[in-house]
C-alpha atoms as a PDB file:
ATOM      1  CA  UNK A   1       0.000   0.000   0.000  1.00  0.00           C
ATOM      2  CA  UNK A   2       2.811   2.427   0.856  1.00  0.00           C
ATOM      3  CA  UNK A   3       4.557   1.796  -2.482  1.00  0.00           C
ATOM      4  CA  UNK A   4       1.356   2.617  -4.289  1.00  0.00           C
ATOM      5  CA  UNK A   5       1.040   5.911  -2.405  1.00  0.00           C
ATOM      6  CA  UNK A   6       4.646   6.826  -3.249  1.00  0.00           C
ATOM      7  CA  UNK A   7       4.071   6.083  -6.937  1.00  0.00           C
ATOM      8  CA  UNK A   8       0.844   8.076  -7.047  1.00  0.00           C
ATOM      9  CA  UNK A   9       2.525  10.990  -5.268  1.00  0.00           C
ATOM     10  CA  UNK A  10       5.441  10.959  -7.706  1.00  0.00           C
ATOM     11  CA  UNK A  11       3.055  10.842 -10.643  1.00  0.00           C
ATOM     12  CA  UNK A  12       1.117  13.780  -9.175  1.00  0.00           C
ATOM     13  CA  UNK A  13       4.341  15.745  -8.808  1.00  0.00           C
ATOM     14  CA  UNK A  14       5.149  15.044 -12.452  1.00  0.00           C
ATOM     15  CA  UNK A  15       1.739  16.240 -13.550  1.00  0.00           C
ATOM     16  CA  UNK A  16       2.001  19.374 -11.432  1.00  0.00           C
ATOM     17  CA  UNK A  17       5.652  19.976 -12.304  1.00  0.00           C
ATOM     18  CA  UNK A  18       5.329  20.394 -16.062  1.00  0.00           C
ATOM     19  CA  UNK A  19       2.692  23.135 -16.037  1.00  0.00           C
ATOM     20  CA  UNK A  20       4.371  24.591 -12.957  1.00  0.00           C
ATOM     21  CA  UNK A  21       7.607  25.008 -14.886  1.00  0.00           C
ATOM     22  CA  UNK A  22       5.802  26.580 -17.807  1.00  0.00           C
ATOM     23  CA  UNK A  23       3.736  28.988 -15.715  1.00  0.00           C
ATOM     24  CA  UNK A  24       6.598  29.991 -13.425  1.00  0.00           C
ATOM     25  CA  UNK A  25       8.935  30.661 -16.335  1.00  0.00           C
ATOM     26  CA  UNK A  26       6.354  32.763 -18.176  1.00  0.00           C
ATOM     27  CA  UNK A  27       4.836  34.664 -15.246  1.00  0.00           C
ATOM     28  CA  UNK A  28       7.482  36.961 -13.877  1.00  0.00           C
ATOM     29  CA  UNK A  29      10.474  34.876 -14.946  1.00  0.00           C
ATOM     30  CA  UNK A  30      11.320  34.112 -11.325  1.00  0.00           C
ATOM     31  CA  UNK A  31      14.316  31.778 -11.363  1.00  0.00           C
ATOM     32  CA  UNK A  32      13.736  30.633  -7.783  1.00  0.00           C
ATOM     33  CA  UNK A  33      10.312  29.206  -8.591  1.00  0.00           C
ATOM     34  CA  UNK A  34      11.553  27.540 -11.760  1.00  0.00           C
ATOM     35  CA  UNK A  35      14.472  25.906  -9.941  1.00  0.00           C
ATOM     36  CA  UNK A  36      12.305  24.805  -7.021  1.00  0.00           C
ATOM     37  CA  UNK A  37       9.689  23.197  -9.230  1.00  0.00           C
ATOM     38  CA  UNK A  38      12.339  21.623 -11.478  1.00  0.00           C
ATOM     39  CA  UNK A  39      14.231  20.156  -8.542  1.00  0.00           C
ATOM     40  CA  UNK A  40      11.014  18.829  -7.015  1.00  0.00           C
ATOM     41  CA  UNK A  41      10.149  17.125 -10.297  1.00  0.00           C
ATOM     42  CA  UNK A  42      13.679  15.687 -10.587  1.00  0.00           C
ATOM     43  CA  UNK A  43      13.599  14.351  -7.015  1.00  0.00           C
ATOM     44  CA  UNK A  44      10.218  12.758  -7.706  1.00  0.00           C
ATOM     45  CA  UNK A  45      11.775  11.031 -10.736  1.00  0.00           C
ATOM     46  CA  UNK A  46      14.671   9.705  -8.670  1.00  0.00           C
ATOM     47  CA  UNK A  47      12.349   8.481  -5.935  1.00  0.00           C
ATOM     48  CA  UNK A  48      10.156   6.730  -8.478  1.00  0.00           C
ATOM     49  CA  UNK A  49      13.180   5.029 -10.055  1.00  0.00           C
ATOM     50  CA  UNK A  50      14.501   3.952  -6.648  1.00  0.00           C
ATOM     51  CA  UNK A  51      11.123   2.601  -5.501  1.00  0.00           C
ATOM     52  CA  UNK A  52      10.580   0.721  -8.756  1.00  0.00           C
ATOM     53  CA  UNK A  53      14.058  -0.805  -8.631  1.00  0.00           C
ATOM     54  CA  UNK A  54      13.853  -1.952  -5.022  1.00  0.00           C
ATOM     55  CA  UNK A  55      10.316  -3.308  -5.075  1.00  0.00           C
ATOM     56  CA  UNK A  56      10.476  -5.360  -8.263  1.00  0.00           C
ATOM     57  CA  UNK A  57       8.335  -8.439  -7.671  1.00  0.00           C
ATOM     58  CA  UNK A  58       9.739 -10.582 -10.469  1.00  0.00           C
ATOM     59  CA  UNK A  59      12.522 -12.809  -9.274  1.00  0.00           C
ATOM     60  CA  UNK A  60      15.479 -13.718 -11.404  1.00  0.00           C
ATOM     61  CA  UNK A  61      15.530 -17.319 -12.476  1.00  0.00           C
ATOM     62  CA  UNK A  62      18.297 -19.374 -10.970  1.00  0.00           C
ATOM     63  CA  UNK A  63      19.788 -22.193 -12.999  1.00  0.00           C
ATOM     64  CA  UNK A  64      20.503 -25.210 -10.838  1.00  0.00           C
ATOM     65  CA  UNK A  65      23.278 -27.292 -12.403  1.00  0.00           C
ATOM     66  CA  UNK A  66      22.570 -30.365 -10.280  1.00  0.00           C
ATOM     67  CA  UNK A  67      18.889 -30.523 -11.184  1.00  0.00           C
ATOM     68  CA  UNK A  68      19.652 -29.876 -14.852  1.00  0.00           C
ATOM     69  CA  UNK A  69      22.162 -32.716 -14.924  1.00  0.00           C
ATOM     70  CA  UNK A  70      19.687 -35.027 -13.179  1.00  0.00           C
ATOM     71  CA  UNK A  71      16.997 -34.222 -15.772  1.00  0.00           C
ATOM     72  CA  UNK A  72      19.454 -34.769 -18.610  1.00  0.00           C
ATOM     73  CA  UNK A  73      20.432 -38.182 -17.189  1.00  0.00           C
ATOM     74  CA  UNK A  74      16.764 -39.184 -16.945  1.00  0.00           C
ATOM     75  CA  UNK A  75      16.164 -38.064 -20.541  1.00  0.00           C
ATOM     76  CA  UNK A  76      19.151 -40.158 -21.689  1.00  0.00           C
ATOM     77  CA  UNK A  77      17.907 -43.203 -19.806  1.00  0.00           C
ATOM     78  CA  UNK A  78      14.442 -42.868 -21.354  1.00  0.00           C
ATOM     79  CA  UNK A  79      15.928 -42.522 -24.841  1.00  0.00           C
ATOM     80  CA  UNK A  80      18.173 -45.546 -24.267  1.00  0.00           C
ATOM     81  CA  UNK A  81      15.090 -47.488 -23.164  1.00  0.00           C
ATOM     82  CA  UNK A  82      13.489 -46.808 -26.541  1.00  0.00           C
ATOM     83  CA  UNK A  83      11.572 -43.538 -26.138  1.00  0.00           C
ATOM     84  CA  UNK A  84      11.679 -40.945 -28.919  1.00  0.00           C
ATOM     85  CA  UNK A  85      14.160 -38.234 -27.893  1.00  0.00           C
ATOM     86  CA  UNK A  86      12.162 -35.427 -29.522  1.00  0.00           C
ATOM     87  CA  UNK A  87       9.028 -36.431 -27.645  1.00  0.00           C
ATOM     88  CA  UNK A  88      10.864 -36.691 -24.333  1.00  0.00           C
ATOM     89  CA  UNK A  89      12.442 -33.243 -24.768  1.00  0.00           C
ATOM     90  CA  UNK A  90       9.064 -31.791 -25.772  1.00  0.00           C
ATOM     91  CA  UNK A  91       7.601 -33.278 -22.591  1.00  0.00           C
ATOM     92  CA  UNK A  92      10.362 -31.640 -20.534  1.00  0.00           C
ATOM     93  CA  UNK A  93       9.722 -28.257 -22.220  1.00  0.00           C
ATOM     94  CA  UNK A  94       5.978 -28.554 -21.623  1.00  0.00           C
ATOM     95  CA  UNK A  95       6.535 -29.413 -17.961  1.00  0.00           C
ATOM     96  CA  UNK A  96       8.819 -26.370 -17.549  1.00  0.00           C
ATOM     97  CA  UNK A  97       6.146 -24.155 -19.133  1.00  0.00           C
ATOM     98  CA  UNK A  98       3.546 -25.695 -16.845  1.00  0.00           C
ATOM     99  CA  UNK A  99       5.688 -25.020 -13.773  1.00  0.00           C
ATOM    100  CA  UNK A 100       6.232 -21.400 -14.850  1.00  0.00           C
ATOM    101  CA  UNK A 101       2.526 -20.926 -15.492  1.00  0.00           C
ATOM    102  CA  UNK A 102       2.980 -20.180 -19.186  1.00  0.00           C
ATOM    103  CA  UNK A 103       0.677 -22.840 -20.575  1.00  0.00           C
END
């Protein structure tokens, strides 16, 4: 919930920052206002980048050498027992897709 509030706040600052820069640069040409609004918008961008980078929900896939070797040995034993290698490998691919939820 807190991440959502931070993202909405940053988005609101972006939306307010663009017209704020335009209006403050046209009306009176006050450099203090322009710099303040520009810095606020830049800080909101940095906060949004930091929050998005640290709260990524997708995990990186880890390749386990031991499990991969075990699967390869089982595929070899099935092929040596007379199974079609293409069908066995297709079965392995389908089971990986099933485990990932891609089917």
